[in-house]
């Protein structure tokens, strides 16, 4: 379902502004996590998790594409391998932290996730700024 939604988002629902596109992907996820943290309601938590999973592949052309394409062809395999190593390392650290937060309470898992999303969104905005400044 996430891939299908990602295809629809890429084809029909991609705004011209990259900042707006990232806000749709990560900003709504951030708000969902904050609301899940504050409400501690299982339905809101389910909605936040579902949105996060469904939007995982949407807008990859904005999040990943420009940076992979900016690397010369002879280094793209190396760059992609390093990118995947970092991604899987980040996911494993995230699973570890979720396990720690699960012992405290499910809502705290979303609070910690919101902090990481805020950092990720700020870094993504900065990367777009650098990319636009370069052009």
C-alpha atoms as a PDB file:
ATOM      1  CA  UNK A   1       0.000   0.000   0.000  1.00  0.00           C
ATOM      2  CA  UNK A   2       2.856   2.380   0.799  1.00  0.00           C
ATOM      3  CA  UNK A   3       4.378   1.884  -2.645  1.00  0.00           C
ATOM      4  CA  UNK A   4       1.010   2.484  -4.301  1.00  0.00           C
ATOM      5  CA  UNK A   5       0.459   5.661  -2.300  1.00  0.00           C
ATOM      6  CA  UNK A   6       4.037   6.695  -3.093  1.00  0.00           C
ATOM      7  CA  UNK A   7       3.409   6.315  -6.822  1.00  0.00           C
ATOM      8  CA  UNK A   8       0.203   8.353  -6.601  1.00  0.00           C
ATOM      9  CA  UNK A   9       1.918  11.039  -4.537  1.00  0.00           C
ATOM     10  CA  UNK A  10       4.847  11.259  -6.949  1.00  0.00           C
ATOM     11  CA  UNK A  11       2.640  11.415 -10.025  1.00  0.00           C
ATOM     12  CA  UNK A  12      -0.281  13.591  -8.913  1.00  0.00           C
ATOM     13  CA  UNK A  13       0.325  15.128  -5.488  1.00  0.00           C
ATOM     14  CA  UNK A  14       3.820  16.620  -5.663  1.00  0.00           C
ATOM     15  CA  UNK A  15       3.902  20.398  -5.141  1.00  0.00           C
ATOM     16  CA  UNK A  16       6.448  22.535  -6.981  1.00  0.00           C
ATOM     17  CA  UNK A  17       7.943  23.739  -3.693  1.00  0.00           C
ATOM     18  CA  UNK A  18      10.346  21.185  -2.132  1.00  0.00           C
ATOM     19  CA  UNK A  19       9.887  22.691   1.323  1.00  0.00           C
ATOM     20  CA  UNK A  20       6.132  22.084   1.094  1.00  0.00           C
ATOM     21  CA  UNK A  21       6.688  18.537  -0.145  1.00  0.00           C
ATOM     22  CA  UNK A  22       8.906  17.698   2.829  1.00  0.00           C
ATOM     23  CA  UNK A  23       6.438  19.330   5.182  1.00  0.00           C
ATOM     24  CA  UNK A  24       3.719  17.055   3.817  1.00  0.00           C
ATOM     25  CA  UNK A  25       5.874  13.969   4.342  1.00  0.00           C
ATOM     26  CA  UNK A  26       7.562  14.757   7.643  1.00  0.00           C
ATOM     27  CA  UNK A  27       5.576  17.665   9.084  1.00  0.00           C
ATOM     28  CA  UNK A  28       2.311  15.743   9.181  1.00  0.00           C
ATOM     29  CA  UNK A  29       4.173  12.775  10.648  1.00  0.00           C
ATOM     30  CA  UNK A  30       5.631  15.095  13.303  1.00  0.00           C
ATOM     31  CA  UNK A  31       2.182  16.446  14.175  1.00  0.00           C
ATOM     32  CA  UNK A  32       0.790  12.925  14.370  1.00  0.00           C
ATOM     33  CA  UNK A  33       3.558  11.896  16.743  1.00  0.00           C
ATOM     34  CA  UNK A  34       3.040  14.951  18.941  1.00  0.00           C
ATOM     35  CA  UNK A  35      -0.720  14.371  19.091  1.00  0.00           C
ATOM     36  CA  UNK A  36      -0.145  10.671  19.864  1.00  0.00           C
ATOM     37  CA  UNK A  37       2.293  11.627  22.620  1.00  0.00           C
ATOM     38  CA  UNK A  38      -0.011  14.193  24.187  1.00  0.00           C
ATOM     39  CA  UNK A  39      -3.258  12.222  23.891  1.00  0.00           C
ATOM     40  CA  UNK A  40      -1.960   8.729  24.711  1.00  0.00           C
ATOM     41  CA  UNK A  41      -5.034   7.482  22.816  1.00  0.00           C
ATOM     42  CA  UNK A  42      -4.590   4.111  21.124  1.00  0.00           C
ATOM     43  CA  UNK A  43      -6.632   5.167  18.061  1.00  0.00           C
ATOM     44  CA  UNK A  44      -4.473   8.280  17.545  1.00  0.00           C
ATOM     45  CA  UNK A  45      -1.342   6.166  18.007  1.00  0.00           C
ATOM     46  CA  UNK A  46      -2.628   3.718  15.380  1.00  0.00           C
ATOM     47  CA  UNK A  47      -3.384   6.562  12.951  1.00  0.00           C
ATOM     48  CA  UNK A  48       0.084   8.093  13.489  1.00  0.00           C
ATOM     49  CA  UNK A  49       1.785   4.742  12.854  1.00  0.00           C
ATOM     50  CA  UNK A  50      -0.359   4.025   9.791  1.00  0.00           C
ATOM     51  CA  UNK A  51       0.342   7.452   8.276  1.00  0.00           C
ATOM     52  CA  UNK A  52       4.054   7.007   8.889  1.00  0.00           C
ATOM     53  CA  UNK A  53       4.121   3.616   7.180  1.00  0.00           C
ATOM     54  CA  UNK A  54       1.977   4.714   4.229  1.00  0.00           C
ATOM     55  CA  UNK A  55       4.050   7.838   3.569  1.00  0.00           C
ATOM     56  CA  UNK A  56       7.393   6.053   3.902  1.00  0.00           C
ATOM     57  CA  UNK A  57       8.004   5.801   0.150  1.00  0.00           C
ATOM     58  CA  UNK A  58       6.173   8.933  -0.959  1.00  0.00           C
ATOM     59  CA  UNK A  59       8.222  11.865  -2.234  1.00  0.00           C
ATOM     60  CA  UNK A  60      11.480   9.941  -2.488  1.00  0.00           C
ATOM     61  CA  UNK A  61      12.249  12.008  -5.587  1.00  0.00           C
ATOM     62  CA  UNK A  62      12.631  15.039  -3.301  1.00  0.00           C
ATOM     63  CA  UNK A  63      14.221  13.288  -0.308  1.00  0.00           C
ATOM     64  CA  UNK A  64      16.760  11.074  -2.082  1.00  0.00           C
ATOM     65  CA  UNK A  65      16.797  11.648  -5.830  1.00  0.00           C
ATOM     66  CA  UNK A  66      18.652  14.964  -6.168  1.00  0.00           C
ATOM     67  CA  UNK A  67      21.453  13.844  -3.890  1.00  0.00           C
ATOM     68  CA  UNK A  68      21.996  10.459  -5.573  1.00  0.00           C
ATOM     69  CA  UNK A  69      21.890  12.103  -9.006  1.00  0.00           C
ATOM     70  CA  UNK A  70      24.431  14.764  -7.990  1.00  0.00           C
ATOM     71  CA  UNK A  71      27.107  12.106  -7.454  1.00  0.00           C
ATOM     72  CA  UNK A  72      29.168  11.162 -10.509  1.00  0.00           C
ATOM     73  CA  UNK A  73      28.230   7.841 -12.121  1.00  0.00           C
ATOM     74  CA  UNK A  74      31.454   6.100 -11.121  1.00  0.00           C
ATOM     75  CA  UNK A  75      30.783   6.814  -7.421  1.00  0.00           C
ATOM     76  CA  UNK A  76      27.011   6.189  -7.293  1.00  0.00           C
ATOM     77  CA  UNK A  77      27.321   2.542  -6.224  1.00  0.00           C
ATOM     78  CA  UNK A  78      29.670   3.487  -3.392  1.00  0.00           C
ATOM     79  CA  UNK A  79      27.428   6.392  -2.375  1.00  0.00           C
ATOM     80  CA  UNK A  80      24.317   4.204  -2.411  1.00  0.00           C
ATOM     81  CA  UNK A  81      26.030   1.515  -0.335  1.00  0.00           C
ATOM     82  CA  UNK A  82      27.145   4.049   2.263  1.00  0.00           C
ATOM     83  CA  UNK A  83      23.648   5.540   2.285  1.00  0.00           C
ATOM     84  CA  UNK A  84      22.112   2.121   2.954  1.00  0.00           C
ATOM     85  CA  UNK A  85      24.632   1.371   5.704  1.00  0.00           C
ATOM     86  CA  UNK A  86      23.732   4.628   7.428  1.00  0.00           C
ATOM     87  CA  UNK A  87      20.018   3.975   6.911  1.00  0.00           C
ATOM     88  CA  UNK A  88      20.125   0.490   8.435  1.00  0.00           C
ATOM     89  CA  UNK A  89      22.334   1.666  11.279  1.00  0.00           C
ATOM     90  CA  UNK A  90      19.809   4.419  11.997  1.00  0.00           C
ATOM     91  CA  UNK A  91      16.923   1.967  11.862  1.00  0.00           C
ATOM     92  CA  UNK A  92      18.640  -0.416  14.265  1.00  0.00           C
ATOM     93  CA  UNK A  93      19.372   2.411  16.708  1.00  0.00           C
ATOM     94  CA  UNK A  94      15.727   3.471  16.350  1.00  0.00           C
ATOM     95  CA  UNK A  95      14.487  -0.036  17.142  1.00  0.00           C
ATOM     96  CA  UNK A  96      16.766  -0.135  20.190  1.00  0.00           C
ATOM     97  CA  UNK A  97      15.461   3.226  21.423  1.00  0.00           C
ATOM     98  CA  UNK A  98      11.863   2.154  20.775  1.00  0.00           C
ATOM     99  CA  UNK A  99      12.490  -0.918  22.919  1.00  0.00           C
ATOM    100  CA  UNK A 100      13.743   1.300  25.735  1.00  0.00           C
ATOM    101  CA  UNK A 101      10.775   3.660  25.392  1.00  0.00           C
ATOM    102  CA  UNK A 102       8.292   0.771  25.233  1.00  0.00           C
ATOM    103  CA  UNK A 103       9.213  -0.175  28.797  1.00  0.00           C
ATOM    104  CA  UNK A 104       8.400   3.366  29.947  1.00  0.00           C
ATOM    105  CA  UNK A 105       5.226   3.693  27.875  1.00  0.00           C
ATOM    106  CA  UNK A 106       4.041   3.710  24.306  1.00  0.00           C
ATOM    107  CA  UNK A 107       3.411   7.447  24.288  1.00  0.00           C
ATOM    108  CA  UNK A 108       7.062   8.160  25.118  1.00  0.00           C
ATOM    109  CA  UNK A 109       8.086   6.260  21.998  1.00  0.00           C
ATOM    110  CA  UNK A 110       6.207   8.848  19.959  1.00  0.00           C
ATOM    111  CA  UNK A 111       7.650  11.730  21.954  1.00  0.00           C
ATOM    112  CA  UNK A 112      11.193  10.578  21.216  1.00  0.00           C
ATOM    113  CA  UNK A 113      10.274   9.942  17.578  1.00  0.00           C
ATOM    114  CA  UNK A 114       8.935  13.510  17.307  1.00  0.00           C
ATOM    115  CA  UNK A 115      12.291  14.846  18.480  1.00  0.00           C
ATOM    116  CA  UNK A 116      14.101  12.842  15.800  1.00  0.00           C
ATOM    117  CA  UNK A 117      11.593  13.931  13.126  1.00  0.00           C
ATOM    118  CA  UNK A 118      12.191  17.565  14.097  1.00  0.00           C
ATOM    119  CA  UNK A 119      15.939  17.057  13.632  1.00  0.00           C
ATOM    120  CA  UNK A 120      15.381  15.222  10.330  1.00  0.00           C
ATOM    121  CA  UNK A 121      13.042  17.935   9.036  1.00  0.00           C
ATOM    122  CA  UNK A 122      15.488  20.693   9.952  1.00  0.00           C
ATOM    123  CA  UNK A 123      18.333  18.869   8.219  1.00  0.00           C
ATOM    124  CA  UNK A 124      16.183  18.252   5.129  1.00  0.00           C
ATOM    125  CA  UNK A 125      15.243  21.949   4.926  1.00  0.00           C
ATOM    126  CA  UNK A 126      18.920  22.862   5.203  1.00  0.00           C
ATOM    127  CA  UNK A 127      19.853  20.414   2.424  1.00  0.00           C
ATOM    128  CA  UNK A 128      17.203  21.940   0.150  1.00  0.00           C
ATOM    129  CA  UNK A 129      18.569  25.394   0.987  1.00  0.00           C
ATOM    130  CA  UNK A 130      22.109  24.275   0.064  1.00  0.00           C
ATOM    131  CA  UNK A 131      20.881  22.614  -3.129  1.00  0.00           C
ATOM    132  CA  UNK A 132      18.990  25.757  -4.215  1.00  0.00           C
ATOM    133  CA  UNK A 133      21.930  27.972  -3.287  1.00  0.00           C
ATOM    134  CA  UNK A 134      24.255  25.840  -5.439  1.00  0.00           C
ATOM    135  CA  UNK A 135      22.096  26.208  -8.582  1.00  0.00           C
END
